[in-house]
């Protein structure tokens, strides 16, 4: 998922600062990320929110490629016996035998 030119995230601006939200990041965090990468560390974003949303801007804003964003993704359960369907967050966790996060495409159908 990439930020399309018409995507609201690309042009949405903060009311107070009058700057795009993607430019309003915490500078000390940016400096730590740069320091860690300069010293051979691989950096990730772990989010409790929607990973698919964060992946749309993580590389451009934080220098972290989409495959290094770990978080939750929505799941949907459909029922033929109920009138309502339910959605819930679905975790993308690490395997119990490895420290590598699950592939971003692991749960896509």
Foldseek 3Di string as FASTA:
>chain_A
DAQDPPRCQVPDADPPPRHRPLADDDVVVLVVLVVCVVVPHQDAAEDQDALVVCQHCCCVRRVHHSQRYFYWHKDKDDDPVDPDIDIDTHGFAPDPVDPRTDGPCPPPD
